[in-house]
Amino acid sequence: MFLFVIIAYLIVIILETRMLWKQKYKKKIMFYLAMIIFSMIISILLSLGVQLPSPSNLIKNIVLSILSKIN
């Protein structure tokens, strides 16, 4: 599964960045690669069976602190 994730991401990276490179969108390529590498790391960790914490508690705390400051 680990190799499948890496191969799938490499195919997507090659296909997407090639189109952006032809159009000379270098800043978009850098942003795209940063996002895709972040998601690739998460996918690899999940394929290896690593338990990742849920971000829902953090999001809930942020929203509640913003709403409490508004009221």
N, C-alpha and C. Protein backbone atom coordinates (compact mmCIF):
# COMPACT_ATOMS: atom_id res chain seq x y z
N MET A 1 0.82 -1.19 0.00
CA MET A 1 0.00 0.00 0.00
C MET A 1 0.87 1.26 0.00
N PHE A 2 1.96 1.20 0.73
CA PHE A 2 2.88 2.32 0.84
C PHE A 2 3.42 2.71 -0.54
N LEU A 3 3.84 1.74 -1.33
CA LEU A 3 4.36 2.03 -2.67
C LEU A 3 3.27 2.54 -3.60
N PHE A 4 2.06 2.02 -3.46
CA PHE A 4 0.96 2.48 -4.29
C PHE A 4 0.68 3.97 -4.05
N VAL A 5 0.73 4.39 -2.80
CA VAL A 5 0.50 5.80 -2.46
C VAL A 5 1.57 6.67 -3.10
N ILE A 6 2.82 6.26 -2.99
CA ILE A 6 3.91 7.05 -3.56
C ILE A 6 3.81 7.11 -5.08
N ILE A 7 3.54 6.00 -5.72
CA ILE A 7 3.42 5.98 -7.18
C ILE A 7 2.25 6.84 -7.64
N ALA A 8 1.13 6.75 -6.96
CA ALA A 8 -0.04 7.56 -7.33
C ALA A 8 0.26 9.04 -7.20
N TYR A 9 0.90 9.44 -6.12
CA TYR A 9 1.24 10.85 -5.95
C TYR A 9 2.26 11.31 -6.99
N LEU A 10 3.23 10.49 -7.31
CA LEU A 10 4.21 10.88 -8.32
C LEU A 10 3.57 11.08 -9.69
N ILE A 11 2.62 10.22 -10.03
CA ILE A 11 1.91 10.38 -11.30
C ILE A 11 1.14 11.70 -11.32
N VAL A 12 0.44 11.98 -10.23
CA VAL A 12 -0.33 13.23 -10.15
C VAL A 12 0.59 14.44 -10.20
N ILE A 13 1.70 14.39 -9.48
CA ILE A 13 2.64 15.51 -9.48
C ILE A 13 3.18 15.76 -10.88
N ILE A 14 3.58 14.71 -11.56
CA ILE A 14 4.14 14.87 -12.91
C ILE A 14 3.10 15.45 -13.86
N LEU A 15 1.90 14.92 -13.84
CA LEU A 15 0.86 15.39 -14.76
C LEU A 15 0.47 16.85 -14.48
N GLU A 16 0.30 17.19 -13.23
CA GLU A 16 -0.17 18.54 -12.90
C GLU A 16 0.92 19.59 -13.06
N THR A 17 2.13 19.29 -12.62
CA THR A 17 3.18 20.31 -12.71
C THR A 17 3.64 20.52 -14.14
N ARG A 18 3.51 19.52 -14.97
CA ARG A 18 3.89 19.69 -16.38
C ARG A 18 3.02 20.75 -17.05
N MET A 19 1.73 20.71 -16.76
CA MET A 19 0.83 21.72 -17.34
C MET A 19 1.14 23.11 -16.80
N LEU A 20 1.41 23.20 -15.51
CA LEU A 20 1.74 24.50 -14.92
C LEU A 20 3.07 25.01 -15.41
N TRP A 21 4.03 24.12 -15.63
CA TRP A 21 5.36 24.52 -16.10
C TRP A 21 5.28 25.10 -17.52
N LYS A 22 4.45 24.50 -18.36
CA LYS A 22 4.29 25.00 -19.73
C LYS A 22 3.70 26.41 -19.74
N GLN A 23 2.83 26.69 -18.76
CA GLN A 23 2.22 28.01 -18.68
C GLN A 23 3.05 28.98 -17.85
N LYS A 24 4.18 28.53 -17.34
CA LYS A 24 5.15 29.32 -16.57
C LYS A 24 4.56 29.91 -15.29
N TYR A 25 3.82 29.08 -14.58
CA TYR A 25 3.25 29.46 -13.28
C TYR A 25 4.14 28.91 -12.17
N LYS A 26 5.30 29.50 -11.98
CA LYS A 26 6.26 28.95 -11.02
C LYS A 26 5.80 29.11 -9.58
N LYS A 27 5.13 30.21 -9.25
CA LYS A 27 4.64 30.39 -7.88
C LYS A 27 3.53 29.38 -7.58
N LYS A 28 2.69 29.13 -8.55
CA LYS A 28 1.62 28.14 -8.36
C LYS A 28 2.20 26.74 -8.22
N ILE A 29 3.29 26.47 -8.93
CA ILE A 29 3.94 25.16 -8.81
C ILE A 29 4.47 24.97 -7.39
N MET A 30 5.10 26.01 -6.84
CA MET A 30 5.65 25.89 -5.49
C MET A 30 4.54 25.68 -4.46
N PHE A 31 3.44 26.42 -4.60
CA PHE A 31 2.31 26.25 -3.69
C PHE A 31 1.70 24.86 -3.84
N TYR A 32 1.53 24.43 -5.08
CA TYR A 32 0.97 23.11 -5.35
C TYR A 32 1.83 22.01 -4.76
N LEU A 33 3.14 22.12 -4.94
CA LEU A 33 4.04 21.09 -4.41
C LEU A 33 4.02 21.07 -2.88
N ALA A 34 3.93 22.23 -2.26
CA ALA A 34 3.86 22.27 -0.80
C ALA A 34 2.60 21.57 -0.30
N MET A 35 1.47 21.84 -0.94
CA MET A 35 0.22 21.21 -0.54
C MET A 35 0.22 19.71 -0.82
N ILE A 36 0.73 19.31 -1.96
CA ILE A 36 0.72 17.90 -2.33
C ILE A 36 1.69 17.10 -1.46
N ILE A 37 2.81 17.69 -1.09
CA ILE A 37 3.75 16.99 -0.21
C ILE A 37 3.16 16.82 1.18
N PHE A 38 2.47 17.85 1.66
CA PHE A 38 1.80 17.75 2.96
C PHE A 38 0.77 16.63 2.95
N SER A 39 -0.06 16.59 1.91
CA SER A 39 -1.08 15.53 1.85
C SER A 39 -0.45 14.16 1.61
N MET A 40 0.67 14.12 0.90
CA MET A 40 1.36 12.85 0.66
C MET A 40 1.91 12.28 1.97
N ILE A 41 2.46 13.14 2.80
CA ILE A 41 2.98 12.69 4.09
C ILE A 41 1.86 12.10 4.95
N ILE A 42 0.71 12.79 4.97
CA ILE A 42 -0.42 12.28 5.74
C ILE A 42 -0.89 10.94 5.18
N SER A 43 -0.96 10.83 3.86
CA SER A 43 -1.40 9.57 3.23
C SER A 43 -0.43 8.44 3.51
N ILE A 44 0.85 8.72 3.47
CA ILE A 44 1.85 7.68 3.76
C ILE A 44 1.74 7.22 5.21
N LEU A 45 1.59 8.18 6.13
CA LEU A 45 1.44 7.80 7.53
C LEU A 45 0.19 6.95 7.75
N LEU A 46 -0.90 7.31 7.11
CA LEU A 46 -2.13 6.51 7.25
C LEU A 46 -1.97 5.13 6.64
N SER A 47 -1.25 5.03 5.51
CA SER A 47 -1.05 3.72 4.89
C SER A 47 -0.14 2.83 5.73
N LEU A 48 0.70 3.44 6.55
CA LEU A 48 1.57 2.67 7.45
C LEU A 48 0.88 2.32 8.76
N GLY A 49 -0.36 2.80 8.94
CA GLY A 49 -1.12 2.46 10.14
C GLY A 49 -0.90 3.39 11.31
N VAL A 50 -0.33 4.54 11.09
CA VAL A 50 -0.10 5.50 12.17
C VAL A 50 -1.42 6.18 12.50
N GLN A 51 -1.74 6.24 13.77
CA GLN A 51 -2.96 6.91 14.22
C GLN A 51 -2.70 8.41 14.33
N LEU A 52 -3.39 9.18 13.51
CA LEU A 52 -3.23 10.63 13.53
C LEU A 52 -4.35 11.26 14.35
N PRO A 53 -4.02 12.31 15.12
CA PRO A 53 -5.07 12.94 15.93
C PRO A 53 -6.06 13.70 15.04
N SER A 54 -7.28 13.74 15.48
CA SER A 54 -8.33 14.46 14.75
C SER A 54 -8.18 15.96 15.00
N PRO A 55 -8.30 16.77 13.97
CA PRO A 55 -8.18 18.22 14.16
C PRO A 55 -9.49 18.86 14.63
N SER A 56 -10.53 18.07 14.86
CA SER A 56 -11.83 18.65 15.20
C SER A 56 -11.81 19.40 16.54
N ASN A 57 -11.10 18.89 17.53
CA ASN A 57 -11.03 19.59 18.82
C ASN A 57 -10.33 20.94 18.68
N LEU A 58 -9.27 21.00 17.92
CA LEU A 58 -8.55 22.25 17.71
C LEU A 58 -9.44 23.25 16.99
N ILE A 59 -10.13 22.81 15.95
CA ILE A 59 -11.02 23.70 15.20
C ILE A 59 -12.15 24.19 16.10
N LYS A 60 -12.70 23.30 16.89
CA LYS A 60 -13.78 23.67 17.81
C LYS A 60 -13.31 24.74 18.80
N ASN A 61 -12.11 24.56 19.37
CA ASN A 61 -11.58 25.54 20.32
C ASN A 61 -11.33 26.89 19.67
N ILE A 62 -10.85 26.89 18.44
CA ILE A 62 -10.60 28.15 17.74
C ILE A 62 -11.90 28.88 17.47
N VAL A 63 -12.90 28.16 16.99
CA VAL A 63 -14.20 28.78 16.69
C VAL A 63 -14.84 29.32 17.96
N LEU A 64 -14.79 28.56 19.04
CA LEU A 64 -15.38 29.02 20.29
C LEU A 64 -14.66 30.24 20.84
N SER A 65 -13.35 30.29 20.72
CA SER A 65 -12.64 31.47 21.22
C SER A 65 -12.95 32.70 20.38
N ILE A 66 -13.13 32.53 19.09
CA ILE A 66 -13.49 33.67 18.22
C ILE A 66 -14.90 34.14 18.55
N LEU A 67 -15.82 33.20 18.72
CA LEU A 67 -17.21 33.57 19.04
C LEU A 67 -17.32 34.21 20.41
N SER A 68 -16.52 33.78 21.36
CA SER A 68 -16.59 34.38 22.70
C SER A 68 -16.07 35.82 22.70
N LYS A 69 -15.12 36.12 21.82
CA LYS A 69 -14.60 37.49 21.71
C LYS A 69 -15.58 38.41 21.01
N ILE A 70 -16.40 37.84 20.12
CA ILE A 70 -17.38 38.65 19.40
C ILE A 70 -18.52 39.05 20.33
N ASN A 71 -18.95 38.15 21.19
CA ASN A 71 -20.07 38.44 22.11
C ASN A 71 -19.56 39.26 23.21
